[in-house]
Amino acid sequence: MSDSQLFEDTFLITDVNAQKYDRVTRLAGMSVDADTALTLDVNSELYPVEVGEHITLMLANTLNLDGTKMGERGWRDQG
């Protein structure tokens, strides 16, 4: 078993821009400790966010909860 978490921080959203695409919003924010700036494009239908909200972002190298690496196929069923 290995530690799959690469990065985690909480961000205050400072700007929400939905002008370029229909269902995609570009979020801008700053980490709570003001060490990290964030620019992130998200599907606004699945994850709506407003200015002033706090979000927690985690990057991981696998989706397996036990930390094991995923196989060659990836996480999606290719059908």
N, C-alpha and C. Protein backbone atom coordinates (compact mmCIF):
# COMPACT_ATOMS: atom_id res chain seq x y z
N MET A 1 0.84 -1.16 0.00
CA MET A 1 0.00 0.00 0.00
C MET A 1 0.90 1.24 0.00
N SER A 2 0.51 2.26 -0.79
CA SER A 2 1.31 3.49 -0.85
C SER A 2 0.40 4.70 -0.65
N ASP A 3 1.03 5.83 -0.37
CA ASP A 3 0.28 7.06 -0.19
C ASP A 3 0.00 7.66 -1.56
N SER A 4 -1.26 7.69 -1.96
CA SER A 4 -1.61 8.17 -3.29
C SER A 4 -1.85 9.67 -3.34
N GLN A 5 -1.95 10.32 -2.20
CA GLN A 5 -2.23 11.76 -2.15
C GLN A 5 -0.97 12.54 -2.50
N LEU A 6 -1.05 13.36 -3.55
CA LEU A 6 0.09 14.16 -3.99
C LEU A 6 0.02 15.60 -3.49
N PHE A 7 -1.20 16.15 -3.38
CA PHE A 7 -1.38 17.54 -2.99
C PHE A 7 -2.79 17.71 -2.45
N GLU A 8 -2.93 18.52 -1.40
CA GLU A 8 -4.25 18.86 -0.87
C GLU A 8 -4.18 20.24 -0.25
N ASP A 9 -5.19 21.08 -0.57
CA ASP A 9 -5.26 22.42 0.01
C ASP A 9 -6.69 22.92 -0.11
N THR A 10 -7.02 23.93 0.69
CA THR A 10 -8.33 24.57 0.66
C THR A 10 -8.18 25.95 0.03
N PHE A 11 -9.09 26.27 -0.89
CA PHE A 11 -9.00 27.52 -1.64
C PHE A 11 -10.26 28.35 -1.47
N LEU A 12 -10.08 29.66 -1.41
CA LEU A 12 -11.18 30.62 -1.44
C LEU A 12 -11.35 31.05 -2.89
N ILE A 13 -12.53 30.85 -3.45
CA ILE A 13 -12.79 31.21 -4.84
C ILE A 13 -12.97 32.72 -4.94
N THR A 14 -12.15 33.34 -5.81
CA THR A 14 -12.16 34.80 -5.95
C THR A 14 -12.78 35.26 -7.25
N ASP A 15 -12.88 34.36 -8.26
CA ASP A 15 -13.46 34.75 -9.54
C ASP A 15 -14.05 33.51 -10.21
N VAL A 16 -15.19 33.70 -10.85
CA VAL A 16 -15.85 32.64 -11.60
C VAL A 16 -16.15 33.20 -12.98
N ASN A 17 -15.61 32.56 -14.03
CA ASN A 17 -15.78 33.05 -15.39
C ASN A 17 -16.38 31.95 -16.24
N ALA A 18 -17.61 32.16 -16.70
CA ALA A 18 -18.31 31.15 -17.51
C ALA A 18 -18.58 31.66 -18.92
N GLN A 19 -17.80 32.59 -19.40
CA GLN A 19 -18.08 33.22 -20.68
C GLN A 19 -17.67 32.41 -21.90
N LYS A 20 -16.61 31.61 -21.81
CA LYS A 20 -16.05 30.99 -23.01
C LYS A 20 -16.81 29.74 -23.46
N TYR A 21 -17.24 28.90 -22.54
CA TYR A 21 -17.89 27.63 -22.89
C TYR A 21 -19.25 27.52 -22.20
N ASP A 22 -20.12 26.64 -22.74
CA ASP A 22 -21.48 26.52 -22.22
C ASP A 22 -21.54 25.91 -20.82
N ARG A 23 -20.85 24.81 -20.59
CA ARG A 23 -20.96 24.09 -19.32
C ARG A 23 -19.66 24.05 -18.53
N VAL A 24 -18.71 24.90 -18.92
CA VAL A 24 -17.42 24.93 -18.24
C VAL A 24 -17.20 26.31 -17.63
N THR A 25 -16.79 26.31 -16.38
CA THR A 25 -16.50 27.56 -15.67
C THR A 25 -15.04 27.56 -15.26
N ARG A 26 -14.38 28.68 -15.48
CA ARG A 26 -12.99 28.83 -15.03
C ARG A 26 -13.00 29.49 -13.66
N LEU A 27 -12.47 28.77 -12.67
CA LEU A 27 -12.41 29.27 -11.30
C LEU A 27 -11.02 29.83 -11.04
N ALA A 28 -10.96 30.92 -10.29
CA ALA A 28 -9.71 31.46 -9.80
C ALA A 28 -9.84 31.56 -8.29
N GLY A 29 -8.76 31.22 -7.60
CA GLY A 29 -8.81 31.27 -6.15
C GLY A 29 -7.42 31.33 -5.55
N MET A 30 -7.40 31.50 -4.24
CA MET A 30 -6.15 31.56 -3.49
C MET A 30 -6.30 30.63 -2.30
N SER A 31 -5.22 29.91 -2.00
CA SER A 31 -5.27 29.01 -0.85
C SER A 31 -5.47 29.81 0.42
N VAL A 32 -6.01 29.16 1.43
CA VAL A 32 -6.33 29.83 2.69
C VAL A 32 -5.08 30.45 3.31
N ASP A 33 -3.92 29.79 3.17
CA ASP A 33 -2.69 30.35 3.72
C ASP A 33 -1.99 31.29 2.73
N ALA A 34 -2.61 31.55 1.56
CA ALA A 34 -2.14 32.48 0.54
C ALA A 34 -0.80 32.08 -0.08
N ASP A 35 -0.48 30.79 -0.05
CA ASP A 35 0.76 30.31 -0.66
C ASP A 35 0.57 29.83 -2.10
N THR A 36 -0.66 29.46 -2.48
CA THR A 36 -0.89 28.85 -3.78
C THR A 36 -2.08 29.51 -4.48
N ALA A 37 -1.86 29.89 -5.74
CA ALA A 37 -2.95 30.41 -6.57
C ALA A 37 -3.53 29.25 -7.38
N LEU A 38 -4.82 29.33 -7.66
CA LEU A 38 -5.53 28.26 -8.37
C LEU A 38 -6.26 28.83 -9.57
N THR A 39 -6.09 28.18 -10.72
CA THR A 39 -6.92 28.41 -11.89
C THR A 39 -7.36 27.03 -12.34
N LEU A 40 -8.68 26.80 -12.37
CA LEU A 40 -9.21 25.46 -12.63
C LEU A 40 -10.46 25.55 -13.47
N ASP A 41 -10.54 24.75 -14.52
CA ASP A 41 -11.75 24.64 -15.33
C ASP A 41 -12.56 23.45 -14.83
N VAL A 42 -13.85 23.70 -14.55
CA VAL A 42 -14.72 22.64 -14.03
C VAL A 42 -16.03 22.60 -14.81
N ASN A 43 -16.67 21.44 -14.83
CA ASN A 43 -18.00 21.30 -15.41
C ASN A 43 -18.99 21.93 -14.43
N SER A 44 -19.55 23.07 -14.81
CA SER A 44 -20.40 23.83 -13.89
C SER A 44 -21.76 23.18 -13.67
N GLU A 45 -22.17 22.25 -14.53
CA GLU A 45 -23.42 21.51 -14.28
C GLU A 45 -23.21 20.49 -13.17
N LEU A 46 -22.05 19.85 -13.16
CA LEU A 46 -21.76 18.83 -12.14
C LEU A 46 -21.29 19.44 -10.83
N TYR A 47 -20.56 20.55 -10.90
CA TYR A 47 -19.96 21.13 -9.70
C TYR A 47 -20.06 22.66 -9.75
N PRO A 48 -21.25 23.20 -9.46
CA PRO A 48 -21.41 24.66 -9.48
C PRO A 48 -20.70 25.31 -8.29
N VAL A 49 -19.96 26.38 -8.55
CA VAL A 49 -19.20 27.08 -7.50
C VAL A 49 -19.44 28.58 -7.67
N GLU A 50 -19.52 29.28 -6.55
CA GLU A 50 -19.72 30.73 -6.57
C GLU A 50 -18.56 31.44 -5.88
N VAL A 51 -18.39 32.71 -6.23
CA VAL A 51 -17.36 33.53 -5.58
C VAL A 51 -17.61 33.56 -4.08
N GLY A 52 -16.55 33.41 -3.30
CA GLY A 52 -16.65 33.41 -1.85
C GLY A 52 -16.73 32.04 -1.22
N GLU A 53 -16.95 31.01 -2.02
CA GLU A 53 -16.99 29.64 -1.50
C GLU A 53 -15.58 29.13 -1.25
N HIS A 54 -15.47 28.20 -0.32
CA HIS A 54 -14.22 27.50 -0.08
C HIS A 54 -14.35 26.10 -0.68
N ILE A 55 -13.32 25.67 -1.41
CA ILE A 55 -13.29 24.31 -1.94
C ILE A 55 -11.98 23.65 -1.50
N THR A 56 -12.03 22.35 -1.33
CA THR A 56 -10.81 21.59 -1.03
C THR A 56 -10.46 20.79 -2.27
N LEU A 57 -9.22 20.90 -2.69
CA LEU A 57 -8.73 20.21 -3.88
C LEU A 57 -7.66 19.21 -3.47
N MET A 58 -7.80 17.99 -3.98
CA MET A 58 -6.78 16.97 -3.73
C MET A 58 -6.39 16.35 -5.06
N LEU A 59 -5.10 16.20 -5.27
CA LEU A 59 -4.58 15.49 -6.43
C LEU A 59 -4.01 14.17 -5.94
N ALA A 60 -4.34 13.11 -6.67
CA ALA A 60 -3.87 11.78 -6.30
C ALA A 60 -3.41 11.05 -7.55
N ASN A 61 -2.53 10.08 -7.38
CA ASN A 61 -2.04 9.34 -8.53
C ASN A 61 -2.85 8.07 -8.81
N THR A 62 -3.91 7.82 -8.03
CA THR A 62 -4.81 6.70 -8.28
C THR A 62 -6.17 7.02 -7.66
N LEU A 63 -7.20 6.39 -8.19
CA LEU A 63 -8.53 6.51 -7.62
C LEU A 63 -8.85 5.37 -6.65
N ASN A 64 -7.96 4.40 -6.56
CA ASN A 64 -8.15 3.28 -5.63
C ASN A 64 -7.96 3.77 -4.20
N LEU A 65 -8.93 3.49 -3.35
CA LEU A 65 -8.88 3.98 -1.97
C LEU A 65 -7.74 3.37 -1.17
N ASP A 66 -7.29 2.18 -1.55
CA ASP A 66 -6.19 1.56 -0.82
C ASP A 66 -4.82 2.02 -1.31
N GLY A 67 -4.77 2.89 -2.31
CA GLY A 67 -3.52 3.44 -2.79
C GLY A 67 -2.80 2.62 -3.82
N THR A 68 -3.35 1.46 -4.20
CA THR A 68 -2.69 0.64 -5.20
C THR A 68 -2.84 1.28 -6.58
N LYS A 69 -1.86 1.03 -7.42
CA LYS A 69 -1.88 1.59 -8.78
C LYS A 69 -2.98 0.93 -9.60
N MET A 70 -3.49 1.72 -10.54
CA MET A 70 -4.52 1.19 -11.43
C MET A 70 -3.85 0.45 -12.57
N GLY A 71 -4.59 -0.44 -13.19
CA GLY A 71 -4.07 -1.21 -14.31
C GLY A 71 -3.90 -0.35 -15.55
N GLU A 72 -3.52 -0.96 -16.62
CA GLU A 72 -3.29 -0.27 -17.89
C GLU A 72 -4.58 0.31 -18.47
N ARG A 73 -5.72 -0.24 -18.13
CA ARG A 73 -6.98 0.17 -18.73
C ARG A 73 -7.45 1.55 -18.29
N GLY A 74 -7.09 2.00 -17.11
CA GLY A 74 -7.62 3.26 -16.61
C GLY A 74 -8.86 3.05 -15.77
N TRP A 75 -9.52 4.11 -15.42
CA TRP A 75 -10.66 4.03 -14.52
C TRP A 75 -11.99 3.85 -15.24
N ARG A 76 -12.03 4.08 -16.53
CA ARG A 76 -13.24 4.01 -17.30
C ARG A 76 -13.36 2.70 -18.03
N ASP A 77 -14.55 2.13 -18.10
CA ASP A 77 -14.78 0.93 -18.89
C ASP A 77 -14.80 1.33 -20.36
N GLN A 78 -13.92 0.79 -21.15
CA GLN A 78 -13.83 1.13 -22.55
C GLN A 78 -14.87 0.44 -23.42
N GLY A 79 -15.66 -0.44 -22.80
CA GLY A 79 -16.79 -1.09 -23.42
C GLY A 79 -16.48 -1.87 -24.62
